[in-house]
Amino acid sequence: MTRMVADCRLYPSEQGCTLTISGEPEEVLAAAVQHAVSSHGHEDSDELRTWLRDNLKVEAATSA
């Protein structure tokens, strides 16, 4: 399965957050929701989850 990335650096925030989360899509989504709620004050909602899911990026391939 393709690894995905949620990268706070791509979106403006008051604190200039630099967190990047990568992994399988559902685990990234779960961690990104927790981060958005605990660090950015968002409410855990279907709208937030849809926005996060729609904004995940495919992780760039790296050599092992």
Protein backbone atom coordinates (compact mmCIF):
# COMPACT_ATOMS: atom_id res chain seq x y z
CA MET A 1 0.00 0.00 0.00
CA THR A 2 1.15 3.56 -0.69
CA ARG A 3 2.48 5.52 2.28
CA MET A 4 0.89 8.92 2.80
CA VAL A 5 2.03 12.16 4.47
CA ALA A 6 0.26 14.88 6.44
CA ASP A 7 2.62 17.87 6.66
CA CYS A 8 1.65 20.92 8.75
CA ARG A 9 4.34 23.01 7.02
CA LEU A 10 2.11 23.12 3.92
CA TYR A 11 -0.65 25.01 5.74
CA PRO A 12 -0.51 28.28 7.67
CA SER A 13 -0.84 28.07 11.44
CA GLU A 14 -0.44 30.57 14.25
CA GLN A 15 2.39 28.59 15.84
CA GLY A 16 4.24 27.78 12.60
CA CYS A 17 3.85 24.03 13.15
CA THR A 18 6.42 21.81 11.39
CA LEU A 19 5.07 18.34 12.25
CA THR A 20 5.03 15.73 9.48
CA ILE A 21 3.22 12.40 9.89
CA SER A 22 3.76 9.52 7.47
CA GLY A 23 2.52 5.96 7.17
CA GLU A 24 -0.45 4.00 5.92
CA PRO A 25 -3.42 6.27 5.05
CA GLU A 26 -5.70 5.33 7.95
CA GLU A 27 -2.96 5.56 10.59
CA VAL A 28 -1.85 8.96 9.24
CA LEU A 29 -5.45 10.17 9.29
CA ALA A 30 -5.94 9.03 12.89
CA ALA A 31 -2.71 10.68 14.06
CA ALA A 32 -3.42 13.85 12.07
CA VAL A 33 -6.88 14.16 13.64
CA GLN A 34 -5.39 13.79 17.13
CA HIS A 35 -2.74 16.39 16.31
CA ALA A 36 -5.24 18.85 14.78
CA VAL A 37 -7.43 18.62 17.87
CA SER A 38 -4.72 18.70 20.55
CA SER A 39 -2.29 21.16 18.94
CA HIS A 40 -4.43 23.35 16.70
CA GLY A 41 -7.72 23.44 18.61
CA HIS A 42 -9.86 21.90 15.86
CA GLU A 43 -12.98 19.93 16.68
CA ASP A 44 -12.96 16.24 15.71
CA SER A 45 -15.66 16.22 13.05
CA ASP A 46 -16.52 14.54 9.77
CA GLU A 47 -15.60 17.80 8.02
CA LEU A 48 -12.11 17.83 9.60
CA ARG A 49 -11.54 14.16 8.75
CA THR A 50 -12.66 14.69 5.15
CA TRP A 51 -10.40 17.74 4.77
CA LEU A 52 -7.41 15.89 6.21
CA ARG A 53 -8.05 12.81 4.06
CA ASP A 54 -8.37 14.96 0.93
CA ASN A 55 -5.10 16.76 1.73
CA LEU A 56 -2.87 13.75 2.38
CA LYS A 57 0.05 13.54 -0.04
CA VAL A 58 1.83 10.46 -1.37
CA GLU A 59 5.14 10.04 0.43
CA ALA A 60 8.19 10.53 -1.78
CA ALA A 61 10.06 7.31 -2.38
CA THR A 62 13.32 6.87 -0.51
CA SER A 63 16.01 4.30 -1.07
CA ALA A 64 16.52 1.76 1.69
